[in-house]
C-alpha atoms as a PDB file:
ATOM      1  CA  MET A   1     -41.179 -17.672   8.527  1.00  0.00           C
ATOM      2  CA  ASN A   2     -38.505 -14.952   8.115  1.00  0.00           C
ATOM      3  CA  ARG A   3     -38.564 -13.204  11.292  1.00  0.00           C
ATOM      4  CA  ASP A   4     -36.376 -14.375  14.373  1.00  0.00           C
ATOM      5  CA  THR A   5     -38.778 -14.339  17.262  1.00  0.00           C
ATOM      6  CA  GLY A   6     -36.032 -14.762  20.004  1.00  0.00           C
ATOM      7  CA  TRP A   7     -36.555 -17.425  22.839  1.00  0.00           C
ATOM      8  CA  PHE A   8     -40.125 -17.519  24.323  1.00  0.00           C
ATOM      9  CA  LYS A   9     -41.578 -19.903  26.846  1.00  0.00           C
ATOM     10  CA  SER A  10     -43.920 -22.508  25.427  1.00  0.00           C
ATOM     11  CA  SER A  11     -47.637 -21.734  25.857  1.00  0.00           C
ATOM     12  CA  ARG A  12     -47.969 -25.342  27.217  1.00  0.00           C
ATOM     13  CA  SER A  13     -45.654 -24.770  30.054  1.00  0.00           C
ATOM     14  CA  ALA A  14     -47.278 -23.837  33.421  1.00  0.00           C
ATOM     15  CA  ALA A  15     -46.316 -20.578  35.013  1.00  0.00           C
ATOM     16  CA  SER A  16     -45.489 -22.043  38.404  1.00  0.00           C
ATOM     17  CA  SER A  17     -43.631 -24.962  36.842  1.00  0.00           C
ATOM     18  CA  ASP A  18     -39.853 -25.313  36.498  1.00  0.00           C
ATOM     19  CA  ALA A  19     -40.185 -28.034  33.847  1.00  0.00           C
ATOM     20  CA  CYS A  20     -40.483 -25.713  30.884  1.00  0.00           C
ATOM     21  CA  VAL A  21     -39.292 -25.380  27.388  1.00  0.00           C
ATOM     22  CA  GLU A  22     -38.498 -22.363  25.208  1.00  0.00           C
ATOM     23  CA  VAL A  23     -39.153 -22.241  21.518  1.00  0.00           C
ATOM     24  CA  ARG A  24     -37.662 -19.989  18.894  1.00  0.00           C
ATOM     25  CA  PHE A  25     -38.929 -19.418  15.413  1.00  0.00           C
ATOM     26  CA  ALA A  26     -36.305 -18.285  12.772  1.00  0.00           C
ATOM     27  CA  ALA A  27     -35.922 -18.636   8.970  1.00  0.00           C
ATOM     28  CA  GLY A  28     -36.734 -22.121   8.100  1.00  0.00           C
ATOM     29  CA  ALA A  29     -36.090 -23.524  11.481  1.00  0.00           C
ATOM     30  CA  VAL A  30     -37.566 -23.941  15.028  1.00  0.00           C
ATOM     31  CA  GLY A  31     -35.399 -24.256  18.169  1.00  0.00           C
ATOM     32  CA  VAL A  32     -36.309 -25.834  21.211  1.00  0.00           C
ATOM     33  CA  ARG A  33     -34.356 -25.831  24.574  1.00  0.00           C
ATOM     34  CA  ASP A  34     -34.700 -26.365  28.312  1.00  0.00           C
ATOM     35  CA  SER A  35     -35.704 -22.949  29.969  1.00  0.00           C
ATOM     36  CA  LYS A  36     -33.533 -24.013  32.990  1.00  0.00           C
ATOM     37  CA  ASN A  37     -30.469 -24.465  30.921  1.00  0.00           C
ATOM     38  CA  ALA A  38     -30.532 -21.916  28.279  1.00  0.00           C
ATOM     39  CA  THR A  39     -26.730 -22.476  27.248  1.00  0.00           C
ATOM     40  CA  GLY A  40     -27.232 -26.211  27.350  1.00  0.00           C
ATOM     41  CA  PRO A  41     -28.220 -28.564  24.419  1.00  0.00           C
ATOM     42  CA  ARG A  42     -30.871 -27.363  21.935  1.00  0.00           C
ATOM     43  CA  PHE A  43     -32.904 -29.209  19.362  1.00  0.00           C
ATOM     44  CA  GLU A  44     -33.534 -27.537  15.891  1.00  0.00           C
ATOM     45  CA  PHE A  45     -36.245 -28.673  13.571  1.00  0.00           C
ATOM     46  CA  THR A  46     -37.220 -27.709  10.105  1.00  0.00           C
ATOM     47  CA  THR A  47     -40.559 -25.745   9.844  1.00  0.00           C
ATOM     48  CA  ARG A  48     -42.183 -28.730   8.206  1.00  0.00           C
ATOM     49  CA  ALA A  49     -41.076 -31.066  10.860  1.00  0.00           C
ATOM     50  CA  TRP A  50     -42.357 -28.835  13.530  1.00  0.00           C
ATOM     51  CA  ARG A  51     -45.694 -28.484  11.964  1.00  0.00           C
ATOM     52  CA  SER A  52     -45.988 -32.469  11.809  1.00  0.00           C
ATOM     53  CA  PHE A  53     -45.008 -32.746  15.383  1.00  0.00           C
ATOM     54  CA  LEU A  54     -47.674 -30.088  16.449  1.00  0.00           C
ATOM     55  CA  ALA A  55     -50.345 -31.764  14.190  1.00  0.00           C
ATOM     56  CA  ALA A  56     -49.576 -35.220  15.741  1.00  0.00           C
ATOM     57  CA  THR A  57     -49.674 -33.902  19.364  1.00  0.00           C
ATOM     58  CA  ASN A  58     -52.898 -31.821  18.993  1.00  0.00           C
ATOM     59  CA  ARG A  59     -55.163 -34.691  18.206  1.00  0.00           C
END
């Protein structure tokens, strides 16, 4: 993926919940952060690791 999507709320997060994560797809990486703390810690995964994570959690 070459296009940076910017941060967006996970489709698994409930609209009325304050326990949400945001995801960002960029060239070769996927970022994950807490939506309540946008300037706080972030995780970054390779695209391959992210796909493996999704495959393992979508069973």
